[in-house]
Amino acid sequence: MVLNGAGAGAGQRPRSGSGTERRTPQLTLYHREGCGLCELMAAELSALESRYTFALERIDIDDDAGLAARFNAKVPVLAVDGEILCCHFLDTVALIDELSRND
């Protein structure tokens, strides 16, 4: 798991035996400190780390006025490769479907 953008450039991994490279999905968790739903979604994502390959960036919306205005009542918000997947609660089925496309 990659937190806060660390490990840039590590988003590619070779496909076993094919010689082609596979893209690691980039998950972005928009959250705020002290948010119980945000902590729950972060824990659920952590539980998926051992089964799926993805990079995770956590962004505190209160550090950016634009993000705070955009996501204020919607946090936590999870985006996959820049596209919002779910708000408030983790849509595990949709996320696993997205992650399984890369396995």
PDB file of N, CA and C in Angstrom:
ATOM      1  N   MET A   1       0.850  -1.165   0.000  1.00  0.00           N
ATOM      2  CA  MET A   1       0.000   0.000   0.000  1.00  0.00           C
ATOM      3  C   MET A   1       0.891   1.221   0.000  1.00  0.00           C
ATOM      4  N   VAL A   2       0.546   2.228  -0.772  1.00  0.00           N
ATOM      5  CA  VAL A   2       1.287   3.465  -0.839  1.00  0.00           C
ATOM      6  C   VAL A   2       0.463   4.534  -0.157  1.00  0.00           C
ATOM      7  N   LEU A   3       1.037   5.221   0.802  1.00  0.00           N
ATOM      8  CA  LEU A   3       0.331   6.278   1.505  1.00  0.00           C
ATOM      9  C   LEU A   3       0.886   7.625   1.100  1.00  0.00           C
ATOM     10  N   ASN A   4      -0.010   8.584   0.905  1.00  0.00           N
ATOM     11  CA  ASN A   4       0.357   9.964   0.622  1.00  0.00           C
ATOM     12  C   ASN A   4       1.314  10.111  -0.552  1.00  0.00           C
ATOM     13  N   GLY A   5       1.113   9.293  -1.576  1.00  0.00           N
ATOM     14  CA  GLY A   5       1.855   9.443  -2.815  1.00  0.00           C
ATOM     15  C   GLY A   5       3.265   8.881  -2.784  1.00  0.00           C
ATOM     16  N   ALA A   6       3.686   8.294  -1.694  1.00  0.00           N
ATOM     17  CA  ALA A   6       5.025   7.720  -1.634  1.00  0.00           C
ATOM     18  C   ALA A   6       5.125   6.573  -2.630  1.00  0.00           C
ATOM     19  N   GLY A   7       6.298   6.353  -3.129  1.00  0.00           N
ATOM     20  CA  GLY A   7       6.518   5.230  -4.030  1.00  0.00           C
ATOM     21  C   GLY A   7       6.084   5.503  -5.455  1.00  0.00           C
ATOM     22  N   ALA A   8       6.078   6.743  -5.864  1.00  0.00           N
ATOM     23  CA  ALA A   8       5.707   7.057  -7.241  1.00  0.00           C
ATOM     24  C   ALA A   8       6.609   6.296  -8.192  1.00  0.00           C
ATOM     25  N   GLY A   9       6.031   5.828  -9.260  1.00  0.00           N
ATOM     26  CA  GLY A   9       6.782   5.058 -10.234  1.00  0.00           C
ATOM     27  C   GLY A   9       6.678   3.567  -9.979  1.00  0.00           C
ATOM     28  N   ALA A  10       6.116   3.188  -8.853  1.00  0.00           N
ATOM     29  CA  ALA A  10       5.989   1.772  -8.532  1.00  0.00           C
ATOM     30  C   ALA A  10       4.636   1.239  -8.974  1.00  0.00           C
ATOM     31  N   GLY A  11       3.945   1.976  -9.818  1.00  0.00           N
ATOM     32  CA  GLY A  11       2.602   1.609 -10.216  1.00  0.00           C
ATOM     33  C   GLY A  11       2.516   0.545 -11.277  1.00  0.00           C
ATOM     34  N   GLN A  12       3.614  -0.031 -11.677  1.00  0.00           N
ATOM     35  CA  GLN A  12       3.610  -1.064 -12.701  1.00  0.00           C
ATOM     36  C   GLN A  12       4.227  -2.323 -12.124  1.00  0.00           C
ATOM     37  N   ARG A  13       3.692  -3.465 -12.512  1.00  0.00           N
ATOM     38  CA  ARG A  13       4.312  -4.737 -12.141  1.00  0.00           C
ATOM     39  C   ARG A  13       4.182  -5.683 -13.318  1.00  0.00           C
ATOM     40  N   PRO A  14       5.178  -6.539 -13.516  1.00  0.00           N
ATOM     41  CA  PRO A  14       5.098  -7.448 -14.661  1.00  0.00           C
ATOM     42  C   PRO A  14       4.040  -8.513 -14.454  1.00  0.00           C
ATOM     43  N   ARG A  15       3.362  -8.869 -15.527  1.00  0.00           N
ATOM     44  CA  ARG A  15       2.411  -9.980 -15.510  1.00  0.00           C
ATOM     45  C   ARG A  15       3.218 -11.261 -15.535  1.00  0.00           C
ATOM     46  N   SER A  16       2.867 -12.163 -14.713  1.00  0.00           N
ATOM     47  CA  SER A  16       3.595 -13.413 -14.569  1.00  0.00           C
ATOM     48  C   SER A  16       3.710 -14.142 -15.907  1.00  0.00           C
ATOM     49  N   GLY A  17       4.936 -14.248 -16.403  1.00  0.00           N
ATOM     50  CA  GLY A  17       5.214 -15.036 -17.586  1.00  0.00           C
ATOM     51  C   GLY A  17       4.829 -14.429 -18.917  1.00  0.00           C
ATOM     52  N   SER A  18       4.158 -13.303 -18.965  1.00  0.00           N
ATOM     53  CA  SER A  18       3.687 -12.784 -20.246  1.00  0.00           C
ATOM     54  C   SER A  18       4.606 -11.724 -20.827  1.00  0.00           C
ATOM     55  N   GLY A  19       5.470 -11.129 -19.969  1.00  0.00           N
ATOM     56  CA  GLY A  19       6.353 -10.092 -20.458  1.00  0.00           C
ATOM     57  C   GLY A  19       5.667  -8.742 -20.587  1.00  0.00           C
ATOM     58  N   THR A  20       4.366  -8.655 -20.310  1.00  0.00           N
ATOM     59  CA  THR A  20       3.682  -7.378 -20.350  1.00  0.00           C
ATOM     60  C   THR A  20       3.550  -6.839 -18.938  1.00  0.00           C
ATOM     61  N   GLU A  21       3.368  -5.536 -18.840  1.00  0.00           N
ATOM     62  CA  GLU A  21       3.251  -4.923 -17.532  1.00  0.00           C
ATOM     63  C   GLU A  21       1.792  -4.722 -17.168  1.00  0.00           C
ATOM     64  N   ARG A  22       1.510  -4.825 -15.868  1.00  0.00           N
ATOM     65  CA  ARG A  22       0.156  -4.628 -15.362  1.00  0.00           C
ATOM     66  C   ARG A  22       0.131  -3.362 -14.544  1.00  0.00           C
ATOM     67  N   ARG A  23      -0.950  -2.667 -14.638  1.00  0.00           N
ATOM     68  CA  ARG A  23      -1.116  -1.411 -13.923  1.00  0.00           C
ATOM     69  C   ARG A  23      -1.665  -1.693 -12.532  1.00  0.00           C
ATOM     70  N   THR A  24      -1.098  -1.045 -11.532  1.00  0.00           N
ATOM     71  CA  THR A  24      -1.607  -1.137 -10.173  1.00  0.00           C
ATOM     72  C   THR A  24      -2.679  -0.065 -10.001  1.00  0.00           C
ATOM     73  N   PRO A  25      -3.889  -0.448  -9.611  1.00  0.00           N
ATOM     74  CA  PRO A  25      -4.952   0.545  -9.417  1.00  0.00           C
ATOM     75  C   PRO A  25      -4.564   1.557  -8.337  1.00  0.00           C
ATOM     76  N   GLN A  26      -4.879   2.812  -8.583  1.00  0.00           N
ATOM     77  CA  GLN A  26      -4.620   3.886  -7.630  1.00  0.00           C
ATOM     78  C   GLN A  26      -5.917   4.217  -6.912  1.00  0.00           C
ATOM     79  N   LEU A  27      -5.963   3.951  -5.614  1.00  0.00           N
ATOM     80  CA  LEU A  27      -7.116   4.294  -4.797  1.00  0.00           C
ATOM     81  C   LEU A  27      -6.812   5.573  -4.046  1.00  0.00           C
ATOM     82  N   THR A  28      -7.786   6.457  -3.997  1.00  0.00           N
ATOM     83  CA  THR A  28      -7.649   7.691  -3.241  1.00  0.00           C
ATOM     84  C   THR A  28      -8.785   7.754  -2.246  1.00  0.00           C
ATOM     85  N   LEU A  29      -8.431   7.851  -0.973  1.00  0.00           N
ATOM     86  CA  LEU A  29      -9.418   7.961   0.088  1.00  0.00           C
ATOM     87  C   LEU A  29      -9.436   9.398   0.573  1.00  0.00           C
ATOM     88  N   TYR A  30     -10.519  10.087   0.264  1.00  0.00           N
ATOM     89  CA  TYR A  30     -10.719  11.447   0.756  1.00  0.00           C
ATOM     90  C   TYR A  30     -11.396  11.316   2.111  1.00  0.00           C
ATOM     91  N   HIS A  31     -10.772  11.889   3.141  1.00  0.00           N
ATOM     92  CA  HIS A  31     -11.258  11.704   4.504  1.00  0.00           C
ATOM     93  C   HIS A  31     -11.049  12.981   5.305  1.00  0.00           C
ATOM     94  N   ARG A  32     -11.473  12.942   6.555  1.00  0.00           N
ATOM     95  CA  ARG A  32     -11.128  14.008   7.491  1.00  0.00           C
ATOM     96  C   ARG A  32     -10.843  13.363   8.846  1.00  0.00           C
ATOM     97  N   GLU A  33      -9.993  14.015   9.596  1.00  0.00           N
ATOM     98  CA  GLU A  33      -9.626  13.522  10.921  1.00  0.00           C
ATOM     99  C   GLU A  33     -10.852  13.530  11.823  1.00  0.00           C
ATOM    100  N   GLY A  34     -10.959  12.495  12.656  1.00  0.00           N
ATOM    101  CA  GLY A  34     -12.051  12.414  13.608  1.00  0.00           C
ATOM    102  C   GLY A  34     -13.357  11.904  13.039  1.00  0.00           C
ATOM    103  N   CYS A  35     -13.352  11.462  11.792  1.00  0.00           N
ATOM    104  CA  CYS A  35     -14.561  10.960  11.128  1.00  0.00           C
ATOM    105  C   CYS A  35     -14.630   9.446  11.315  1.00  0.00           C
ATOM    106  N   GLY A  36     -15.634   8.984  12.032  1.00  0.00           N
ATOM    107  CA  GLY A  36     -15.780   7.554  12.280  1.00  0.00           C
ATOM    108  C   GLY A  36     -15.973   6.739  11.023  1.00  0.00           C
ATOM    109  N   LEU A  37     -16.777   7.243  10.082  1.00  0.00           N
ATOM    110  CA  LEU A  37     -16.979   6.525   8.824  1.00  0.00           C
ATOM    111  C   LEU A  37     -15.681   6.455   8.023  1.00  0.00           C
ATOM    112  N   CYS A  38     -14.885   7.516   8.104  1.00  0.00           N
ATOM    113  CA  CYS A  38     -13.597   7.525   7.402  1.00  0.00           C
ATOM    114  C   CYS A  38     -12.662   6.469   7.974  1.00  0.00           C
ATOM    115  N   GLU A  39     -12.635   6.365   9.300  1.00  0.00           N
ATOM    116  CA  GLU A  39     -11.790   5.367   9.950  1.00  0.00           C
ATOM    117  C   GLU A  39     -12.250   3.956   9.603  1.00  0.00           C
ATOM    118  N   LEU A  40     -13.556   3.758   9.529  1.00  0.00           N
ATOM    119  CA  LEU A  40     -14.095   2.448   9.163  1.00  0.00           C
ATOM    120  C   LEU A  40     -13.690   2.062   7.745  1.00  0.00           C
ATOM    121  N   MET A  41     -13.832   3.004   6.791  1.00  0.00           N
ATOM    122  CA  MET A  41     -13.472   2.692   5.409  1.00  0.00           C
ATOM    123  C   MET A  41     -11.974   2.413   5.297  1.00  0.00           C
ATOM    124  N   ALA A  42     -11.152   3.173   6.007  1.00  0.00           N
ATOM    125  CA  ALA A  42      -9.706   2.943   5.978  1.00  0.00           C
ATOM    126  C   ALA A  42      -9.374   1.543   6.503  1.00  0.00           C
ATOM    127  N   ALA A  43     -10.047   1.121   7.556  1.00  0.00           N
ATOM    128  CA  ALA A  43      -9.820  -0.224   8.114  1.00  0.00           C
ATOM    129  C   ALA A  43     -10.248  -1.305   7.130  1.00  0.00           C
ATOM    130  N   GLU A  44     -11.364  -1.090   6.453  1.00  0.00           N
ATOM    131  CA  GLU A  44     -11.831  -2.072   5.465  1.00  0.00           C
ATOM    132  C   GLU A  44     -10.858  -2.171   4.301  1.00  0.00           C
ATOM    133  N   LEU A  45     -10.301  -1.043   3.881  1.00  0.00           N
ATOM    134  CA  LEU A  45      -9.309  -1.065   2.805  1.00  0.00           C
ATOM    135  C   LEU A  45      -8.049  -1.794   3.257  1.00  0.00           C
ATOM    136  N   SER A  46      -7.635  -1.576   4.482  1.00  0.00           N
ATOM    137  CA  SER A  46      -6.458  -2.263   5.011  1.00  0.00           C
ATOM    138  C   SER A  46      -6.659  -3.773   5.006  1.00  0.00           C
ATOM    139  N   ALA A  47      -7.875  -4.213   5.300  1.00  0.00           N
ATOM    140  CA  ALA A  47      -8.167  -5.643   5.320  1.00  0.00           C
ATOM    141  C   ALA A  47      -8.062  -6.267   3.928  1.00  0.00           C
ATOM    142  N   LEU A  48      -8.236  -5.460   2.877  1.00  0.00           N
ATOM    143  CA  LEU A  48      -8.167  -5.966   1.505  1.00  0.00           C
ATOM    144  C   LEU A  48      -6.737  -6.017   0.962  1.00  0.00           C
ATOM    145  N   GLU A  49      -5.802  -5.377   1.669  1.00  0.00           N
ATOM    146  CA  GLU A  49      -4.415  -5.291   1.186  1.00  0.00           C
ATOM    147  C   GLU A  49      -3.758  -6.641   0.947  1.00  0.00           C
ATOM    148  N   SER A  50      -4.074  -7.612   1.767  1.00  0.00           N
ATOM    149  CA  SER A  50      -3.397  -8.899   1.635  1.00  0.00           C
ATOM    150  C   SER A  50      -3.923  -9.713   0.460  1.00  0.00           C
ATOM    151  N   ARG A  51      -5.095  -9.354  -0.057  1.00  0.00           N
ATOM    152  CA  ARG A  51      -5.694 -10.129  -1.149  1.00  0.00           C
ATOM    153  C   ARG A  51      -5.608  -9.447  -2.508  1.00  0.00           C
ATOM    154  N   TYR A  52      -5.426  -8.131  -2.524  1.00  0.00           N
ATOM    155  CA  TYR A  52      -5.447  -7.388  -3.785  1.00  0.00           C
ATOM    156  C   TYR A  52      -4.284  -6.408  -3.824  1.00  0.00           C
ATOM    157  N   THR A  53      -3.837  -6.123  -5.040  1.00  0.00           N
ATOM    158  CA  THR A  53      -2.760  -5.167  -5.243  1.00  0.00           C
ATOM    159  C   THR A  53      -3.356  -3.816  -5.594  1.00  0.00           C
ATOM    160  N   PHE A  54      -3.012  -2.812  -4.817  1.00  0.00           N
ATOM    161  CA  PHE A  54      -3.432  -1.443  -5.109  1.00  0.00           C
ATOM    162  C   PHE A  54      -2.535  -0.477  -4.355  1.00  0.00           C
ATOM    163  N   ALA A  55      -2.497   0.740  -4.842  1.00  0.00           N
ATOM    164  CA  ALA A  55      -1.799   1.821  -4.152  1.00  0.00           C
ATOM    165  C   ALA A  55      -2.883   2.700  -3.535  1.00  0.00           C
ATOM    166  N   LEU A  56      -2.674   3.117  -2.300  1.00  0.00           N
ATOM    167  CA  LEU A  56      -3.672   3.922  -1.600  1.00  0.00           C
ATOM    168  C   LEU A  56      -3.071   5.238  -1.166  1.00  0.00           C
ATOM    169  N   GLU A  57      -3.723   6.303  -1.550  1.00  0.00           N
ATOM    170  CA  GLU A  57      -3.347   7.639  -1.105  1.00  0.00           C
ATOM    171  C   GLU A  57      -4.483   8.157  -0.235  1.00  0.00           C
ATOM    172  N   ARG A  58      -4.152   8.638   0.951  1.00  0.00           N
ATOM    173  CA  ARG A  58      -5.142   9.217   1.861  1.00  0.00           C
ATOM    174  C   ARG A  58      -5.002  10.727   1.811  1.00  0.00           C
ATOM    175  N   ILE A  59      -6.096  11.413   1.547  1.00  0.00           N
ATOM    176  CA  ILE A  59      -6.073  12.867   1.461  1.00  0.00           C
ATOM    177  C   ILE A  59      -7.074  13.433   2.450  1.00  0.00           C
ATOM    178  N   ASP A  60      -6.575  14.244   3.389  1.00  0.00           N
ATOM    179  CA  ASP A  60      -7.435  14.929   4.351  1.00  0.00           C
ATOM    180  C   ASP A  60      -8.036  16.143   3.649  1.00  0.00           C
ATOM    181  N   ILE A  61      -9.352  16.134   3.467  1.00  0.00           N
ATOM    182  CA  ILE A  61      -9.994  17.206   2.711  1.00  0.00           C
ATOM    183  C   ILE A  61      -9.882  18.552   3.410  1.00  0.00           C
ATOM    184  N   ASP A  62      -9.672  18.552   4.726  1.00  0.00           N
ATOM    185  CA  ASP A  62      -9.575  19.808   5.461  1.00  0.00           C
ATOM    186  C   ASP A  62      -8.252  20.524   5.223  1.00  0.00           C
ATOM    187  N   ASP A  63      -7.322  19.886   4.516  1.00  0.00           N
ATOM    188  CA  ASP A  63      -6.060  20.530   4.150  1.00  0.00           C
ATOM    189  C   ASP A  63      -6.176  21.293   2.836  1.00  0.00           C
ATOM    190  N   ASP A  64      -7.330  21.219   2.177  1.00  0.00           N
ATOM    191  CA  ASP A  64      -7.536  21.856   0.870  1.00  0.00           C
ATOM    192  C   ASP A  64      -8.959  22.406   0.816  1.00  0.00           C
ATOM    193  N   ALA A  65      -9.090  23.717   0.738  1.00  0.00           N
ATOM    194  CA  ALA A  65     -10.420  24.347   0.769  1.00  0.00           C
ATOM    195  C   ALA A  65     -11.316  23.862  -0.373  1.00  0.00           C
ATOM    196  N   GLY A  66     -10.741  23.609  -1.527  1.00  0.00           N
ATOM    197  CA  GLY A  66     -11.519  23.121  -2.663  1.00  0.00           C
ATOM    198  C   GLY A  66     -12.072  21.727  -2.418  1.00  0.00           C
ATOM    199  N   LEU A  67     -11.238  20.854  -1.869  1.00  0.00           N
ATOM    200  CA  LEU A  67     -11.699  19.496  -1.557  1.00  0.00           C
ATOM    201  C   LEU A  67     -12.714  19.515  -0.418  1.00  0.00           C
ATOM    202  N   ALA A  68     -12.493  20.381   0.563  1.00  0.00           N
ATOM    203  CA  ALA A  68     -13.444  20.485   1.674  1.00  0.00           C
ATOM    204  C   ALA A  68     -14.813  20.922   1.166  1.00  0.00           C
ATOM    205  N   ALA A  69     -14.828  21.862   0.239  1.00  0.00           N
ATOM    206  CA  ALA A  69     -16.103  22.315  -0.327  1.00  0.00           C
ATOM    207  C   ALA A  69     -16.748  21.219  -1.173  1.00  0.00           C
ATOM    208  N   ARG A  70     -15.938  20.480  -1.906  1.00  0.00           N
ATOM    209  CA  ARG A  70     -16.460  19.449  -2.814  1.00  0.00           C
ATOM    210  C   ARG A  70     -16.980  18.220  -2.063  1.00  0.00           C
ATOM    211  N   PHE A  71     -16.262  17.797  -1.026  1.00  0.00           N
ATOM    212  CA  PHE A  71     -16.573  16.527  -0.368  1.00  0.00           C
ATOM    213  C   PHE A  71     -17.078  16.663   1.064  1.00  0.00           C
ATOM    214  N   ASN A  72     -17.346  17.853   1.532  1.00  0.00           N
ATOM    215  CA  ASN A  72     -17.649  18.107   2.937  1.00  0.00           C
ATOM    216  C   ASN A  72     -18.578  17.085   3.579  1.00  0.00           C
ATOM    217  N   ALA A  73     -19.790  16.939   3.078  1.00  0.00           N
ATOM    218  CA  ALA A  73     -20.781  16.035   3.685  1.00  0.00           C
ATOM    219  C   ALA A  73     -20.729  14.636   3.096  1.00  0.00           C
ATOM    220  N   LYS A  74     -19.793  14.380   2.186  1.00  0.00           N
ATOM    221  CA  LYS A  74     -19.750  13.089   1.492  1.00  0.00           C
ATOM    222  C   LYS A  74     -18.682  12.154   2.027  1.00  0.00           C
ATOM    223  N   VAL A  75     -17.756  12.640   2.856  1.00  0.00           N
ATOM    224  CA  VAL A  75     -16.650  11.796   3.303  1.00  0.00           C
ATOM    225  C   VAL A  75     -17.138  10.651   4.163  1.00  0.00           C
ATOM    226  N   PRO A  76     -16.453   9.539   4.072  1.00  0.00           N
ATOM    227  CA  PRO A  76     -15.310   9.292   3.210  1.00  0.00           C
ATOM    228  C   PRO A  76     -15.736   9.072   1.766  1.00  0.00           C
ATOM    229  N   VAL A  77     -14.844   9.436   0.866  1.00  0.00           N
ATOM    230  CA  VAL A  77     -15.059   9.233  -0.565  1.00  0.00           C
ATOM    231  C   VAL A  77     -13.883   8.408  -1.074  1.00  0.00           C
ATOM    232  N   LEU A  78     -14.194   7.343  -1.816  1.00  0.00           N
ATOM    233  CA  LEU A  78     -13.147   6.508  -2.398  1.00  0.00           C
ATOM    234  C   LEU A  78     -13.188   6.636  -3.905  1.00  0.00           C
ATOM    235  N   ALA A  79     -12.045   6.981  -4.474  1.00  0.00           N
ATOM    236  CA  ALA A  79     -11.906   7.049  -5.931  1.00  0.00           C
ATOM    237  C   ALA A  79     -10.922   5.972  -6.370  1.00  0.00           C
ATOM    238  N   VAL A  80     -11.204   5.380  -7.519  1.00  0.00           N
ATOM    239  CA  VAL A  80     -10.316   4.391  -8.131  1.00  0.00           C
ATOM    240  C   VAL A  80      -9.867   4.974  -9.455  1.00  0.00           C
ATOM    241  N   ASP A  81      -8.565   5.160  -9.581  1.00  0.00           N
ATOM    242  CA  ASP A  81      -7.992   5.761 -10.790  1.00  0.00           C
ATOM    243  C   ASP A  81      -8.702   7.059 -11.160  1.00  0.00           C
ATOM    244  N   GLY A  82      -9.008   7.861 -10.140  1.00  0.00           N
ATOM    245  CA  GLY A  82      -9.584   9.182 -10.363  1.00  0.00           C
ATOM    246  C   GLY A  82     -11.093   9.220 -10.486  1.00  0.00           C
ATOM    247  N   GLU A  83     -11.742   8.080 -10.539  1.00  0.00           N
ATOM    248  CA  GLU A  83     -13.197   8.021 -10.657  1.00  0.00           C
ATOM    249  C   GLU A  83     -13.806   7.642  -9.311  1.00  0.00           C
ATOM    250  N   ILE A  84     -14.763   8.437  -8.839  1.00  0.00           N
ATOM    251  CA  ILE A  84     -15.380   8.153  -7.554  1.00  0.00           C
ATOM    252  C   ILE A  84     -16.141   6.833  -7.624  1.00  0.00           C
ATOM    253  N   LEU A  85     -15.834   5.964  -6.668  1.00  0.00           N
ATOM    254  CA  LEU A  85     -16.476   4.656  -6.592  1.00  0.00           C
ATOM    255  C   LEU A  85     -17.596   4.646  -5.566  1.00  0.00           C
ATOM    256  N   CYS A  86     -17.360   5.271  -4.405  1.00  0.00           N
ATOM    257  CA  CYS A  86     -18.378   5.252  -3.354  1.00  0.00           C
ATOM    258  C   CYS A  86     -18.134   6.375  -2.351  1.00  0.00           C
ATOM    259  N   CYS A  87     -19.195   6.698  -1.634  1.00  0.00           N
ATOM    260  CA  CYS A  87     -19.157   7.701  -0.574  1.00  0.00           C
ATOM    261  C   CYS A  87     -19.782   7.097   0.676  1.00  0.00           C
ATOM    262  N   HIS A  88     -19.369   7.563   1.821  1.00  0.00           N
ATOM    263  CA  HIS A  88     -19.899   7.185   3.133  1.00  0.00           C
ATOM    264  C   HIS A  88     -19.524   5.762   3.543  1.00  0.00           C
ATOM    265  N   PHE A  89     -19.836   4.773   2.724  1.00  0.00           N
ATOM    266  CA  PHE A  89     -19.573   3.375   3.047  1.00  0.00           C
ATOM    267  C   PHE A  89     -18.853   2.717   1.878  1.00  0.00           C
ATOM    268  N   LEU A  90     -17.953   1.780   2.184  1.00  0.00           N
ATOM    269  CA  LEU A  90     -17.216   1.083   1.138  1.00  0.00           C
ATOM    270  C   LEU A  90     -18.139   0.145   0.378  1.00  0.00           C
ATOM    271  N   ASP A  91     -18.161   0.300  -0.933  1.00  0.00           N
ATOM    272  CA  ASP A  91     -18.883  -0.631  -1.803  1.00  0.00           C
ATOM    273  C   ASP A  91     -17.892  -1.743  -2.143  1.00  0.00           C
ATOM    274  N   THR A  92     -17.838  -2.729  -1.267  1.00  0.00           N
ATOM    275  CA  THR A  92     -16.846  -3.797  -1.377  1.00  0.00           C
ATOM    276  C   THR A  92     -16.984  -4.573  -2.674  1.00  0.00           C
ATOM    277  N   VAL A  93     -18.209  -4.855  -3.074  1.00  0.00           N
ATOM    278  CA  VAL A  93     -18.427  -5.623  -4.308  1.00  0.00           C
ATOM    279  C   VAL A  93     -17.876  -4.860  -5.510  1.00  0.00           C
ATOM    280  N   ALA A  94     -18.189  -3.580  -5.613  1.00  0.00           N
ATOM    281  CA  ALA A  94     -17.701  -2.777  -6.747  1.00  0.00           C
ATOM    282  C   ALA A  94     -16.187  -2.639  -6.704  1.00  0.00           C
ATOM    283  N   LEU A  95     -15.615  -2.460  -5.510  1.00  0.00           N
ATOM    284  CA  LEU A  95     -14.168  -2.323  -5.405  1.00  0.00           C
ATOM    285  C   LEU A  95     -13.462  -3.615  -5.796  1.00  0.00           C
ATOM    286  N   ILE A  96     -13.943  -4.742  -5.295  1.00  0.00           N
ATOM    287  CA  ILE A  96     -13.318  -6.024  -5.643  1.00  0.00           C
ATOM    288  C   ILE A  96     -13.422  -6.274  -7.137  1.00  0.00           C
ATOM    289  N   ASP A  97     -14.549  -5.893  -7.742  1.00  0.00           N
ATOM    290  CA  ASP A  97     -14.697  -6.027  -9.181  1.00  0.00           C
ATOM    291  C   ASP A  97     -13.615  -5.203  -9.895  1.00  0.00           C
ATOM    292  N   GLU A  98     -13.398  -3.990  -9.466  1.00  0.00           N
ATOM    293  CA  GLU A  98     -12.361  -3.137 -10.063  1.00  0.00           C
ATOM    294  C   GLU A  98     -10.971  -3.738  -9.865  1.00  0.00           C
ATOM    295  N   LEU A  99     -10.685  -4.190  -8.657  1.00  0.00           N
ATOM    296  CA  LEU A  99      -9.362  -4.730  -8.354  1.00  0.00           C
ATOM    297  C   LEU A  99      -9.115  -6.057  -9.048  1.00  0.00           C
ATOM    298  N   SER A 100     -10.145  -6.846  -9.220  1.00  0.00           N
ATOM    299  CA  SER A 100     -10.004  -8.159  -9.872  1.00  0.00           C
ATOM    300  C   SER A 100      -9.693  -8.040 -11.354  1.00  0.00           C
ATOM    301  N   ARG A 101     -10.028  -6.931 -11.940  1.00  0.00           N
ATOM    302  CA  ARG A 101      -9.704  -6.717 -13.355  1.00  0.00           C
ATOM    303  C   ARG A 101      -8.208  -6.674 -13.589  1.00  0.00           C
ATOM    304  N   ASN A 102      -7.442  -6.422 -12.529  1.00  0.00           N
ATOM    305  CA  ASN A 102      -5.990  -6.275 -12.639  1.00  0.00           C
ATOM    306  C   ASN A 102      -5.244  -7.509 -12.158  1.00  0.00           C
ATOM    307  N   ASP A 103      -5.956  -8.522 -11.678  1.00  0.00           N
ATOM    308  CA  ASP A 103      -5.283  -9.734 -11.184  1.00  0.00           C
ATOM    309  C   ASP A 103      -4.999 -10.705 -12.294  1.00  0.00           C
TER     310      ASP A 103
END
